[in-house]
C-alpha atoms as a PDB file:
ATOM      1  CA  MET A   1       0.000   0.000   0.000  1.00  0.00           C
ATOM      2  CA  THR A   2       1.216   3.465  -0.915  1.00  0.00           C
ATOM      3  CA  VAL A   3      -0.104   6.687   0.643  1.00  0.00           C
ATOM      4  CA  ILE A   4       0.784   9.962  -1.076  1.00  0.00           C
ATOM      5  CA  PRO A   5      -0.365  13.599  -1.164  1.00  0.00           C
ATOM      6  CA  LEU A   6      -2.601  13.842  -4.213  1.00  0.00           C
ATOM      7  CA  ASN A   7      -5.137  16.405  -5.412  1.00  0.00           C
ATOM      8  CA  GLY A   8      -5.064  18.178  -2.041  1.00  0.00           C
ATOM      9  CA  ILE A   9      -5.636  15.081   0.105  1.00  0.00           C
ATOM     10  CA  ARG A  10      -3.802  12.030   1.417  1.00  0.00           C
ATOM     11  CA  PHE A  11      -4.556   9.231  -1.057  1.00  0.00           C
ATOM     12  CA  SER A  12      -4.004   5.467  -0.812  1.00  0.00           C
ATOM     13  CA  TYR A  13      -3.506   2.921  -3.594  1.00  0.00           C
ATOM     14  CA  ASP A  14      -1.935  -0.479  -4.321  1.00  0.00           C
ATOM     15  CA  ASP A  15       0.055  -1.103  -7.501  1.00  0.00           C
ATOM     16  CA  LEU A  16       0.420  -4.798  -8.355  1.00  0.00           C
ATOM     17  CA  GLY A  17       1.698  -6.703 -11.377  1.00  0.00           C
ATOM     18  CA  ARG A  18       3.338  -5.648 -14.600  1.00  0.00           C
ATOM     19  CA  GLY A  19       2.005  -4.820 -18.018  1.00  0.00           C
ATOM     20  CA  GLU A  20      -0.668  -2.434 -19.262  1.00  0.00           C
ATOM     21  CA  PRO A  21      -2.300  -0.678 -16.287  1.00  0.00           C
ATOM     22  CA  VAL A  22      -5.889  -1.155 -15.146  1.00  0.00           C
ATOM     23  CA  VAL A  23      -7.148   1.334 -12.534  1.00  0.00           C
ATOM     24  CA  MET A  24      -9.876  -0.182 -10.347  1.00  0.00           C
ATOM     25  CA  VAL A  25     -12.419   1.971  -8.485  1.00  0.00           C
ATOM     26  CA  MET A  26     -14.604   0.551  -5.711  1.00  0.00           C
ATOM     27  CA  GLY A  27     -18.181   1.429  -4.771  1.00  0.00           C
ATOM     28  CA  SER A  28     -19.563   3.337  -1.806  1.00  0.00           C
ATOM     29  CA  GLY A  29     -18.145   2.200   1.522  1.00  0.00           C
ATOM     30  CA  GLY A  30     -15.810  -0.294  -0.161  1.00  0.00           C
ATOM     31  CA  ARG A  31     -12.066  -0.604   0.204  1.00  0.00           C
ATOM     32  CA  GLY A  32      -9.835  -1.012  -2.816  1.00  0.00           C
ATOM     33  CA  ARG A  33      -8.434  -4.261  -1.476  1.00  0.00           C
ATOM     34  CA  ALA A  34     -11.788  -5.943  -2.259  1.00  0.00           C
ATOM     35  CA  TRP A  35     -10.605  -6.106  -5.869  1.00  0.00           C
ATOM     36  CA  GLN A  36      -7.545  -8.031  -4.704  1.00  0.00           C
ATOM     37  CA  LEU A  37      -9.572 -11.090  -3.712  1.00  0.00           C
ATOM     38  CA  TYR A  38     -10.383 -12.114  -7.284  1.00  0.00           C
ATOM     39  CA  GLN A  39      -9.978  -9.419  -9.937  1.00  0.00           C
ATOM     40  CA  THR A  40      -6.359  -8.401  -9.282  1.00  0.00           C
ATOM     41  CA  PRO A  41      -5.076 -12.029  -9.392  1.00  0.00           C
ATOM     42  CA  ALA A  42      -6.898 -12.603 -12.686  1.00  0.00           C
ATOM     43  CA  LEU A  43      -5.497  -9.403 -14.171  1.00  0.00           C
ATOM     44  CA  THR A  44      -1.910  -9.982 -13.082  1.00  0.00           C
ATOM     45  CA  ALA A  45      -2.053 -13.611 -14.285  1.00  0.00           C
ATOM     46  CA  ALA A  46      -3.163 -12.291 -17.684  1.00  0.00           C
ATOM     47  CA  GLY A  47      -0.224  -9.869 -17.834  1.00  0.00           C
ATOM     48  CA  TYR A  48      -1.887  -6.654 -16.653  1.00  0.00           C
ATOM     49  CA  ARG A  49      -0.915  -4.209 -13.927  1.00  0.00           C
ATOM     50  CA  SER A  50      -3.688  -3.731 -11.329  1.00  0.00           C
ATOM     51  CA  ILE A  51      -3.944  -0.410  -9.501  1.00  0.00           C
ATOM     52  CA  THR A  52      -6.603  -0.433  -6.780  1.00  0.00           C
ATOM     53  CA  VAL A  53      -7.540   2.768  -4.979  1.00  0.00           C
ATOM     54  CA  ASP A  54      -9.131   3.718  -1.668  1.00  0.00           C
ATOM     55  CA  ASN A  55     -11.632   6.433  -2.543  1.00  0.00           C
ATOM     56  CA  ARG A  56     -12.126   9.620  -0.572  1.00  0.00           C
ATOM     57  CA  GLY A  57     -13.890   8.714   2.643  1.00  0.00           C
ATOM     58  CA  ILE A  58     -12.137   5.346   3.018  1.00  0.00           C
ATOM     59  CA  PRO A  59      -9.001   5.320   5.199  1.00  0.00           C
ATOM     60  CA  PRO A  60      -6.082   5.542   4.904  1.00  0.00           C
ATOM     61  CA  THR A  61      -7.223   7.958   2.181  1.00  0.00           C
ATOM     62  CA  ASP A  62      -8.517  11.110   3.865  1.00  0.00           C
ATOM     63  CA  LEU A  63     -12.089  10.949   5.164  1.00  0.00           C
ATOM     64  CA  CYS A  64     -12.974  14.382   3.733  1.00  0.00           C
ATOM     65  CA  ALA A  65     -15.835  14.399   6.228  1.00  0.00           C
ATOM     66  CA  ASP A  66     -16.920  17.908   5.242  1.00  0.00           C
ATOM     67  CA  GLY A  67     -18.118  16.437   1.964  1.00  0.00           C
ATOM     68  CA  PHE A  68     -17.001  16.184  -1.642  1.00  0.00           C
ATOM     69  CA  THR A  69     -18.397  15.775  -5.127  1.00  0.00           C
ATOM     70  CA  ILE A  70     -18.037  13.255  -7.885  1.00  0.00           C
ATOM     71  CA  ASP A  71     -15.890  15.846  -9.667  1.00  0.00           C
ATOM     72  CA  ASP A  72     -13.449  15.701  -6.731  1.00  0.00           C
ATOM     73  CA  MET A  73     -13.216  11.926  -7.154  1.00  0.00           C
ATOM     74  CA  VAL A  74     -12.668  12.308 -10.890  1.00  0.00           C
ATOM     75  CA  GLY A  75      -9.891  14.769 -10.056  1.00  0.00           C
ATOM     76  CA  ASP A  76      -8.287  12.158  -7.805  1.00  0.00           C
ATOM     77  CA  LEU A  77      -8.124   9.671 -10.690  1.00  0.00           C
ATOM     78  CA  ILE A  78      -6.723  12.274 -13.066  1.00  0.00           C
ATOM     79  CA  ALA A  79      -4.032  13.177 -10.520  1.00  0.00           C
ATOM     80  CA  LEU A  80      -3.199   9.500  -9.923  1.00  0.00           C
ATOM     81  CA  VAL A  81      -2.817   8.808 -13.649  1.00  0.00           C
ATOM     82  CA  ASP A  82      -0.515  11.817 -13.902  1.00  0.00           C
ATOM     83  CA  HIS A  83       1.481  10.864 -10.781  1.00  0.00           C
ATOM     84  CA  LEU A  84       2.098   7.305 -11.992  1.00  0.00           C
ATOM     85  CA  GLY A  85       2.660   8.332 -15.606  1.00  0.00           C
ATOM     86  CA  LEU A  86       0.022   5.904 -16.811  1.00  0.00           C
ATOM     87  CA  GLY A  87      -1.067   7.887 -19.840  1.00  0.00           C
ATOM     88  CA  PRO A  88      -4.348   6.699 -21.348  1.00  0.00           C
ATOM     89  CA  CYS A  89      -5.303   3.396 -19.738  1.00  0.00           C
ATOM     90  CA  ARG A  90      -8.104   1.015 -18.804  1.00  0.00           C
ATOM     91  CA  PHE A  91     -10.500   1.585 -15.899  1.00  0.00           C
ATOM     92  CA  VAL A  92     -12.796  -0.754 -13.992  1.00  0.00           C
ATOM     93  CA  GLY A  93     -15.456   0.486 -11.574  1.00  0.00           C
ATOM     94  CA  THR A  94     -18.415  -0.901  -9.696  1.00  0.00           C
ATOM     95  CA  SER A  95     -21.472   0.966  -8.401  1.00  0.00           C
ATOM     96  CA  MET A  96     -20.325   4.447  -7.265  1.00  0.00           C
ATOM     97  CA  GLY A  97     -16.876   3.645  -8.645  1.00  0.00           C
ATOM     98  CA  ALA A  98     -18.353   2.975 -12.068  1.00  0.00           C
ATOM     99  CA  GLN A  99     -20.148   6.306 -11.948  1.00  0.00           C
ATOM    100  CA  VAL A 100     -16.830   8.030 -11.227  1.00  0.00           C
ATOM    101  CA  VAL A 101     -15.263   6.269 -14.221  1.00  0.00           C
ATOM    102  CA  GLN A 102     -18.218   7.315 -16.401  1.00  0.00           C
ATOM    103  CA  GLU A 103     -17.697  10.942 -15.407  1.00  0.00           C
ATOM    104  CA  LEU A 104     -13.959  10.623 -16.057  1.00  0.00           C
ATOM    105  CA  ALA A 105     -14.689   9.297 -19.550  1.00  0.00           C
ATOM    106  CA  VAL A 106     -16.801  12.405 -20.222  1.00  0.00           C
ATOM    107  CA  ALA A 107     -14.415  14.923 -18.664  1.00  0.00           C
ATOM    108  CA  ARG A 108     -11.133  13.446 -19.932  1.00  0.00           C
ATOM    109  CA  PRO A 109     -11.732  11.131 -22.880  1.00  0.00           C
ATOM    110  CA  ASP A 110      -8.012  11.245 -23.611  1.00  0.00           C
ATOM    111  CA  LEU A 111      -7.277   9.236 -20.438  1.00  0.00           C
ATOM    112  CA  VAL A 112      -9.613   6.263 -20.966  1.00  0.00           C
ATOM    113  CA  THR A 113      -8.839   3.534 -23.515  1.00  0.00           C
ATOM    114  CA  GLN A 114     -11.478   1.067 -22.229  1.00  0.00           C
ATOM    115  CA  ALA A 115     -13.889   0.958 -19.297  1.00  0.00           C
ATOM    116  CA  VAL A 116     -15.670  -1.887 -17.522  1.00  0.00           C
ATOM    117  CA  LEU A 117     -18.685  -0.518 -15.650  1.00  0.00           C
ATOM    118  CA  MET A 118     -20.372  -2.883 -13.174  1.00  0.00           C
ATOM    119  CA  ALA A 119     -23.633  -2.503 -11.258  1.00  0.00           C
ATOM    120  CA  THR A 120     -24.130   0.999 -12.538  1.00  0.00           C
ATOM    121  CA  ARG A 121     -26.658   3.381 -14.041  1.00  0.00           C
ATOM    122  CA  GLY A 122     -26.978   6.587 -15.991  1.00  0.00           C
ATOM    123  CA  ARG A 123     -29.665   8.192 -13.853  1.00  0.00           C
ATOM    124  CA  GLY A 124     -31.305   8.030 -10.473  1.00  0.00           C
ATOM    125  CA  ASP A 125     -34.794   6.686  -9.893  1.00  0.00           C
ATOM    126  CA  ARG A 126     -37.312   7.187  -7.108  1.00  0.00           C
ATOM    127  CA  LEU A 127     -36.551   4.039  -5.100  1.00  0.00           C
ATOM    128  CA  ARG A 128     -32.754   4.359  -5.210  1.00  0.00           C
ATOM    129  CA  ARG A 129     -33.071   8.045  -4.290  1.00  0.00           C
ATOM    130  CA  ALA A 130     -35.323   7.171  -1.351  1.00  0.00           C
ATOM    131  CA  LEU A 131     -32.827   4.546  -0.150  1.00  0.00           C
ATOM    132  CA  SER A 132     -29.924   6.998  -0.294  1.00  0.00           C
ATOM    133  CA  LEU A 133     -31.831   9.700   1.570  1.00  0.00           C
ATOM    134  CA  ALA A 134     -32.975   7.190   4.195  1.00  0.00           C
ATOM    135  CA  GLU A 135     -29.376   6.042   4.771  1.00  0.00           C
ATOM    136  CA  ILE A 136     -28.301   9.666   5.184  1.00  0.00           C
ATOM    137  CA  GLU A 137     -31.129  10.271   7.651  1.00  0.00           C
ATOM    138  CA  LEU A 138     -30.202   7.152   9.629  1.00  0.00           C
ATOM    139  CA  HIS A 139     -26.558   8.205   9.832  1.00  0.00           C
ATOM    140  CA  ASP A 140     -27.393  11.770  10.838  1.00  0.00           C
ATOM    141  CA  SER A 141     -29.795  10.587  13.551  1.00  0.00           C
ATOM    142  CA  GLY A 142     -26.845   9.383  15.617  1.00  0.00           C
ATOM    143  CA  VAL A 143     -28.392   5.955  16.171  1.00  0.00           C
ATOM    144  CA  ALA A 144     -25.690   3.348  16.826  1.00  0.00           C
ATOM    145  CA  VAL A 145     -26.580   0.449  14.529  1.00  0.00           C
ATOM    146  CA  PRO A 146     -25.060  -2.850  15.772  1.00  0.00           C
ATOM    147  CA  ALA A 147     -22.496  -4.311  13.393  1.00  0.00           C
ATOM    148  CA  SER A 148     -24.376  -7.619  13.321  1.00  0.00           C
ATOM    149  CA  TYR A 149     -27.582  -5.917  12.189  1.00  0.00           C
ATOM    150  CA  ARG A 150     -25.767  -3.828   9.598  1.00  0.00           C
ATOM    151  CA  ALA A 151     -24.168  -7.017   8.221  1.00  0.00           C
ATOM    152  CA  VAL A 152     -27.553  -8.733   7.826  1.00  0.00           C
ATOM    153  CA  VAL A 153     -29.031  -5.724   6.033  1.00  0.00           C
ATOM    154  CA  GLN A 154     -25.985  -5.471   3.776  1.00  0.00           C
ATOM    155  CA  ALA A 155     -26.293  -9.148   2.911  1.00  0.00           C
ATOM    156  CA  MET A 156     -29.993  -8.912   2.066  1.00  0.00           C
ATOM    157  CA  GLN A 157     -29.450  -5.821  -0.078  1.00  0.00           C
ATOM    158  CA  ASN A 158     -26.330  -6.927  -1.928  1.00  0.00           C
ATOM    159  CA  LEU A 159     -26.394 -10.713  -2.346  1.00  0.00           C
ATOM    160  CA  SER A 160     -28.473 -13.003  -4.544  1.00  0.00           C
ATOM    161  CA  PRO A 161     -31.160 -15.384  -3.219  1.00  0.00           C
ATOM    162  CA  ARG A 162     -28.835 -18.203  -4.249  1.00  0.00           C
ATOM    163  CA  THR A 163     -26.270 -17.022  -1.694  1.00  0.00           C
ATOM    164  CA  LEU A 164     -28.780 -15.970   0.963  1.00  0.00           C
ATOM    165  CA  ASP A 165     -30.395 -19.416   0.943  1.00  0.00           C
ATOM    166  CA  ASP A 166     -27.093 -21.293   1.323  1.00  0.00           C
ATOM    167  CA  ASP A 167     -26.469 -21.644   5.063  1.00  0.00           C
ATOM    168  CA  GLU A 168     -22.727 -22.218   4.751  1.00  0.00           C
ATOM    169  CA  LYS A 169     -22.122 -19.367   2.325  1.00  0.00           C
ATOM    170  CA  ILE A 170     -24.244 -16.857   4.218  1.00  0.00           C
ATOM    171  CA  ARG A 171     -22.516 -17.696   7.494  1.00  0.00           C
ATOM    172  CA  ASP A 172     -19.186 -16.766   5.932  1.00  0.00           C
ATOM    173  CA  TRP A 173     -20.640 -13.655   4.319  1.00  0.00           C
ATOM    174  CA  LEU A 174     -22.163 -12.414   7.571  1.00  0.00           C
ATOM    175  CA  GLU A 175     -18.859 -12.834   9.377  1.00  0.00           C
ATOM    176  CA  LEU A 176     -17.038 -10.977   6.613  1.00  0.00           C
ATOM    177  CA  LEU A 177     -19.568  -8.142   6.433  1.00  0.00           C
ATOM    178  CA  GLU A 178     -19.638  -7.671  10.194  1.00  0.00           C
ATOM    179  CA  LEU A 179     -15.867  -7.196  10.196  1.00  0.00           C
ATOM    180  CA  SER A 180     -15.477  -5.193   7.002  1.00  0.00           C
ATOM    181  CA  THR A 181     -18.546  -3.032   6.432  1.00  0.00           C
ATOM    182  CA  ALA A 182     -17.374   0.560   6.604  1.00  0.00           C
ATOM    183  CA  SER A 183     -19.269   3.345   8.340  1.00  0.00           C
ATOM    184  CA  GLY A 184     -18.519   6.732   9.875  1.00  0.00           C
ATOM    185  CA  PRO A 185     -17.979  10.261   8.579  1.00  0.00           C
ATOM    186  CA  GLY A 186     -16.143   9.247   5.417  1.00  0.00           C
ATOM    187  CA  VAL A 187     -18.932   6.948   4.268  1.00  0.00           C
ATOM    188  CA  ARG A 188     -21.436   9.658   5.219  1.00  0.00           C
ATOM    189  CA  ALA A 189     -19.560  12.027   2.894  1.00  0.00           C
ATOM    190  CA  GLN A 190     -19.856   9.485   0.086  1.00  0.00           C
ATOM    191  CA  LEU A 191     -23.598   9.208   0.710  1.00  0.00           C
ATOM    192  CA  GLY A 192     -23.785  12.977   0.331  1.00  0.00           C
ATOM    193  CA  MET A 193     -23.137  12.632  -3.402  1.00  0.00           C
ATOM    194  CA  GLU A 194     -26.685  11.346  -3.842  1.00  0.00           C
ATOM    195  CA  PRO A 195     -29.238  11.813  -5.273  1.00  0.00           C
ATOM    196  CA  PHE A 196     -27.684  10.850  -8.595  1.00  0.00           C
ATOM    197  CA  PRO A 197     -28.965  13.034 -11.481  1.00  0.00           C
ATOM    198  CA  ASP A 198     -29.957  11.953 -14.962  1.00  0.00           C
ATOM    199  CA  ARG A 199     -26.678  11.912 -16.922  1.00  0.00           C
ATOM    200  CA  LEU A 200     -27.692   9.783 -19.897  1.00  0.00           C
ATOM    201  CA  ASP A 201     -27.396  12.634 -22.382  1.00  0.00           C
ATOM    202  CA  GLU A 202     -23.876  13.414 -21.153  1.00  0.00           C
ATOM    203  CA  TYR A 203     -22.881   9.755 -21.408  1.00  0.00           C
ATOM    204  CA  ARG A 204     -23.797   9.759 -25.091  1.00  0.00           C
ATOM    205  CA  ARG A 205     -20.530  11.710 -25.492  1.00  0.00           C
ATOM    206  CA  ILE A 206     -18.347   8.896 -24.125  1.00  0.00           C
ATOM    207  CA  GLN A 207     -15.823   7.851 -26.759  1.00  0.00           C
ATOM    208  CA  ALA A 208     -14.038   4.967 -25.021  1.00  0.00           C
ATOM    209  CA  PRO A 209     -15.178   1.388 -25.680  1.00  0.00           C
ATOM    210  CA  CYS A 210     -17.254   0.327 -22.672  1.00  0.00           C
ATOM    211  CA  LEU A 211     -18.535  -2.952 -21.252  1.00  0.00           C
ATOM    212  CA  VAL A 212     -21.456  -2.532 -18.871  1.00  0.00           C
ATOM    213  CA  ILE A 213     -21.995  -5.536 -16.585  1.00  0.00           C
ATOM    214  CA  GLY A 214     -25.305  -5.990 -14.805  1.00  0.00           C
ATOM    215  CA  PHE A 215     -26.159  -8.544 -12.138  1.00  0.00           C
ATOM    216  CA  GLU A 216     -29.462 -10.372 -12.433  1.00  0.00           C
ATOM    217  CA  ASP A 217     -30.512 -10.115  -8.764  1.00  0.00           C
ATOM    218  CA  ASP A 218     -29.090  -6.657  -8.047  1.00  0.00           C
ATOM    219  CA  LEU A 219     -31.510  -4.689  -5.858  1.00  0.00           C
ATOM    220  CA  ILE A 220     -29.258  -1.655  -5.401  1.00  0.00           C
ATOM    221  CA  THR A 221     -28.688  -1.057  -9.115  1.00  0.00           C
ATOM    222  CA  PRO A 222     -31.075  -3.299 -11.062  1.00  0.00           C
ATOM    223  CA  PRO A 223     -29.781  -4.518 -14.415  1.00  0.00           C
ATOM    224  CA  HIS A 224     -32.351  -2.634 -16.493  1.00  0.00           C
ATOM    225  CA  LEU A 225     -30.607   0.596 -15.468  1.00  0.00           C
ATOM    226  CA  GLY A 226     -27.271  -0.802 -16.653  1.00  0.00           C
ATOM    227  CA  ARG A 227     -28.801  -1.919 -19.927  1.00  0.00           C
ATOM    228  CA  GLU A 228     -30.230   1.581 -20.357  1.00  0.00           C
ATOM    229  CA  LEU A 229     -26.783   3.077 -19.762  1.00  0.00           C
ATOM    230  CA  ALA A 230     -25.176   0.752 -22.306  1.00  0.00           C
ATOM    231  CA  GLY A 231     -27.800   1.847 -24.811  1.00  0.00           C
ATOM    232  CA  ALA A 232     -26.793   5.476 -24.290  1.00  0.00           C
ATOM    233  CA  ILE A 233     -23.012   5.027 -24.608  1.00  0.00           C
ATOM    234  CA  PRO A 234     -22.082   4.741 -28.304  1.00  0.00           C
ATOM    235  CA  GLY A 235     -21.009   1.181 -29.147  1.00  0.00           C
ATOM    236  CA  ALA A 236     -21.137  -0.050 -25.529  1.00  0.00           C
ATOM    237  CA  ALA A 237     -21.718  -3.744 -24.853  1.00  0.00           C
ATOM    238  CA  PHE A 238     -23.946  -5.060 -22.082  1.00  0.00           C
ATOM    239  CA  GLU A 239     -23.506  -8.390 -20.300  1.00  0.00           C
ATOM    240  CA  LEU A 240     -25.856  -9.802 -17.683  1.00  0.00           C
ATOM    241  CA  ILE A 241     -24.352 -12.133 -15.065  1.00  0.00           C
ATOM    242  CA  PRO A 242     -27.089 -14.451 -13.747  1.00  0.00           C
ATOM    243  CA  GLY A 243     -27.612 -15.471 -10.124  1.00  0.00           C
ATOM    244  CA  CYS A 244     -25.760 -12.506  -8.612  1.00  0.00           C
ATOM    245  CA  GLY A 245     -26.629  -9.465  -6.535  1.00  0.00           C
ATOM    246  CA  HIS A 246     -24.895  -6.107  -6.240  1.00  0.00           C
ATOM    247  CA  PHE A 247     -21.702  -7.837  -5.069  1.00  0.00           C
ATOM    248  CA  GLY A 248     -21.613  -9.913  -8.243  1.00  0.00           C
ATOM    249  CA  TYR A 249     -17.899  -9.305  -8.761  1.00  0.00           C
ATOM    250  CA  LEU A 250     -17.437 -11.400  -5.599  1.00  0.00           C
ATOM    251  CA  GLU A 251     -20.382 -13.798  -5.894  1.00  0.00           C
ATOM    252  CA  ASP A 252     -19.428 -15.011  -9.379  1.00  0.00           C
ATOM    253  CA  HIS A 253     -15.947 -13.667  -9.867  1.00  0.00           C
ATOM    254  CA  GLN A 254     -15.153 -16.243 -12.527  1.00  0.00           C
ATOM    255  CA  ALA A 255     -17.922 -14.978 -14.842  1.00  0.00           C
ATOM    256  CA  VAL A 256     -16.998 -11.357 -14.160  1.00  0.00           C
ATOM    257  CA  ASN A 257     -13.291 -11.931 -14.756  1.00  0.00           C
ATOM    258  CA  LYS A 258     -14.003 -13.875 -17.945  1.00  0.00           C
ATOM    259  CA  ALA A 259     -16.127 -11.032 -19.326  1.00  0.00           C
ATOM    260  CA  MET A 260     -13.594  -8.377 -18.290  1.00  0.00           C
ATOM    261  CA  LEU A 261     -10.592 -10.157 -19.788  1.00  0.00           C
ATOM    262  CA  ALA A 262     -12.425 -11.028 -22.997  1.00  0.00           C
ATOM    263  CA  PHE A 263     -13.347  -7.353 -23.407  1.00  0.00           C
ATOM    264  CA  PHE A 264      -9.771  -6.250 -22.813  1.00  0.00           C
ATOM    265  CA  GLY A 265      -8.560  -8.932 -25.194  1.00  0.00           C
ATOM    266  CA  GLU A 266     -10.601  -7.465 -28.032  1.00  0.00           C
ATOM    267  CA  ARG A 267      -8.442  -4.342 -27.957  1.00  0.00           C
ATOM    268  CA  ASP A 268      -5.212  -6.279 -27.439  1.00  0.00           C
ATOM    269  CA  ALA A 269      -5.967  -8.353 -30.521  1.00  0.00           C
ATOM    270  CA  LYS A 270      -6.224  -5.309 -32.773  1.00  0.00           C
END
């Protein structure tokens, strides 16, 4: 792990492997090391360099508890690419991280050669907006939510019925979520970026080849919103991974990695 001053904050990232770089951006409340369970090993084995980042709000990157915008997070990626001398490169994002990559592809098309966008959308809708506002209200109420309860709610929101109904798998998931689910002022600052506006018209300007991956059982970002986004981005492909929830990159990492590497391979073959 490397921690450096970057774009006015202290910023943390891991740089693993050799080859063409792939910058990986996690979703709300997630740590960059989550990519290192399955995606980083697949990338490095295929000859890529995996750069995983801890977003603003997730230590050891600064909490930025006073709040920040998606433009600030885009600025962090631009500064990281410049600091590491990556030039134009590939990006992978999930959920909030995918939205940051989408905005980067609009703001700096010269920096993005390909993008894999998982569990994402091009606009907000009423239910997702209500969920975000309710989470903000819960946090601001000062109620201390037990870690065990938070883990159960996270599991029910983010995992597929296939996983939830498997006693052995859900036991392991609940233990993991109870230990790893982030909270606090940094996560609250990330929540403050909602509600997400309708950006579909802006995303029609994206020039980079994009693969949008949706997860069949995703309640947080249902796959029809990802399919809609892929329809807006010129030439974008859409792939639906069955039997997975919002954490599909962990639930069926083999299918996700296969899709990601095949997409990257299309450019490498040219």
